[in-house]
C-alpha atoms as a PDB file:
ATOM      1  CA  MET A   1      85.856 114.036  54.557  1.00  0.00           C
ATOM      2  CA  ARG A   2      82.699 115.687  54.142  1.00  0.00           C
ATOM      3  CA  LEU A   3      80.520 114.564  51.477  1.00  0.00           C
ATOM      4  CA  SER A   4      79.238 117.915  49.553  1.00  0.00           C
ATOM      5  CA  ALA A   5      77.212 118.811  46.676  1.00  0.00           C
ATOM      6  CA  LEU A   6      80.839 118.847  44.466  1.00  0.00           C
ATOM      7  CA  ALA A   7      82.086 116.065  45.885  1.00  0.00           C
ATOM      8  CA  ILE A   8      79.421 113.555  44.880  1.00  0.00           C
ATOM      9  CA  ARG A   9      78.948 115.139  41.384  1.00  0.00           C
ATOM     10  CA  ASP A  10      82.865 115.214  40.884  1.00  0.00           C
ATOM     11  CA  ALA A  11      83.173 111.174  41.520  1.00  0.00           C
ATOM     12  CA  LYS A  12      84.392 109.829  38.804  1.00  0.00           C
ATOM     13  CA  THR A  13      83.500 106.034  37.683  1.00  0.00           C
ATOM     14  CA  ARG A  14      86.093 103.362  37.562  1.00  0.00           C
ATOM     15  CA  GLU A  15      86.502  99.659  36.537  1.00  0.00           C
ATOM     16  CA  LYS A  16      85.379  98.416  39.752  1.00  0.00           C
ATOM     17  CA  ALA A  17      82.705 100.231  42.562  1.00  0.00           C
ATOM     18  CA  TYR A  18      84.585 102.158  45.377  1.00  0.00           C
ATOM     19  CA  LYS A  19      83.072 103.786  47.854  1.00  0.00           C
ATOM     20  CA  LEU A  20      83.612 107.624  49.213  1.00  0.00           C
ATOM     21  CA  GLY A  21      82.764 108.110  53.602  1.00  0.00           C
ATOM     22  CA  ASP A  22      82.143 111.057  55.308  1.00  0.00           C
ATOM     23  CA  GLY A  23      83.320 109.643  58.533  1.00  0.00           C
ATOM     24  CA  HIS A  24      79.967 109.528  59.901  1.00  0.00           C
ATOM     25  CA  GLY A  25      78.065 106.605  58.539  1.00  0.00           C
ATOM     26  CA  LEU A  26      77.579 108.182  55.089  1.00  0.00           C
ATOM     27  CA  TYR A  27      78.745 106.602  52.186  1.00  0.00           C
ATOM     28  CA  LEU A  28      78.339 107.101  48.729  1.00  0.00           C
ATOM     29  CA  LEU A  29      78.711 103.777  46.407  1.00  0.00           C
ATOM     30  CA  VAL A  30      79.858 104.847  42.626  1.00  0.00           C
ATOM     31  CA  LYS A  31      79.290 101.774  40.343  1.00  0.00           C
ATOM     32  CA  PRO A  32      80.992 101.491  37.433  1.00  0.00           C
ATOM     33  CA  ARG A  33      77.989 102.304  35.003  1.00  0.00           C
ATOM     34  CA  GLY A  34      77.825 105.941  36.786  1.00  0.00           C
ATOM     35  CA  ILE A  35      74.974 105.212  38.832  1.00  0.00           C
ATOM     36  CA  ARG A  36      75.797 106.660  42.268  1.00  0.00           C
ATOM     37  CA  LEU A  37      73.953 105.399  45.713  1.00  0.00           C
ATOM     38  CA  CYS A  38      73.742 107.363  49.097  1.00  0.00           C
ATOM     39  CA  LEU A  39      74.283 103.971  51.847  1.00  0.00           C
ATOM     40  CA  VAL A  40      74.261 104.857  55.339  1.00  0.00           C
ATOM     41  CA  SER A  41      75.624 102.350  58.260  1.00  0.00           C
ATOM     42  CA  ILE A  42      73.795 101.921  60.753  1.00  0.00           C
ATOM     43  CA  HIS A  43      74.783  99.204  63.733  1.00  0.00           C
ATOM     44  CA  VAL A  44      71.749  97.196  65.559  1.00  0.00           C
ATOM     45  CA  ARG A  45      72.994  94.802  68.601  1.00  0.00           C
ATOM     46  CA  LEU A  46      76.948  95.404  67.333  1.00  0.00           C
ATOM     47  CA  ARG A  47      76.513  94.062  64.148  1.00  0.00           C
ATOM     48  CA  PRO A  48      76.691  96.763  61.118  1.00  0.00           C
ATOM     49  CA  SER A  49      74.715  96.621  58.090  1.00  0.00           C
ATOM     50  CA  TRP A  50      73.578  99.280  54.902  1.00  0.00           C
ATOM     51  CA  HIS A  51      70.776 100.913  54.529  1.00  0.00           C
ATOM     52  CA  ALA A  52      70.488 102.414  50.767  1.00  0.00           C
ATOM     53  CA  ASP A  53      67.956 105.413  51.532  1.00  0.00           C
ATOM     54  CA  ILE A  54      68.497 107.387  48.372  1.00  0.00           C
ATOM     55  CA  PHE A  55      68.902 106.737  44.928  1.00  0.00           C
ATOM     56  CA  PHE A  56      70.021 109.054  41.846  1.00  0.00           C
ATOM     57  CA  SER A  57      72.601 109.445  38.990  1.00  0.00           C
ATOM     58  CA  TYR A  58      73.312 111.630  36.884  1.00  0.00           C
END
């Protein structure tokens, strides 16, 4: 699934935080209070880690 502006805007809050991904390492983390974070999954020396780049909320 591609993360479009419409998909990000329509992401609803839930009781627990959840992630929407695009299949290429970009994720949208939606927190219960309505905060949305863009996360990028990077692999350094075969160890996956998360890097939060952009913070925004609606």
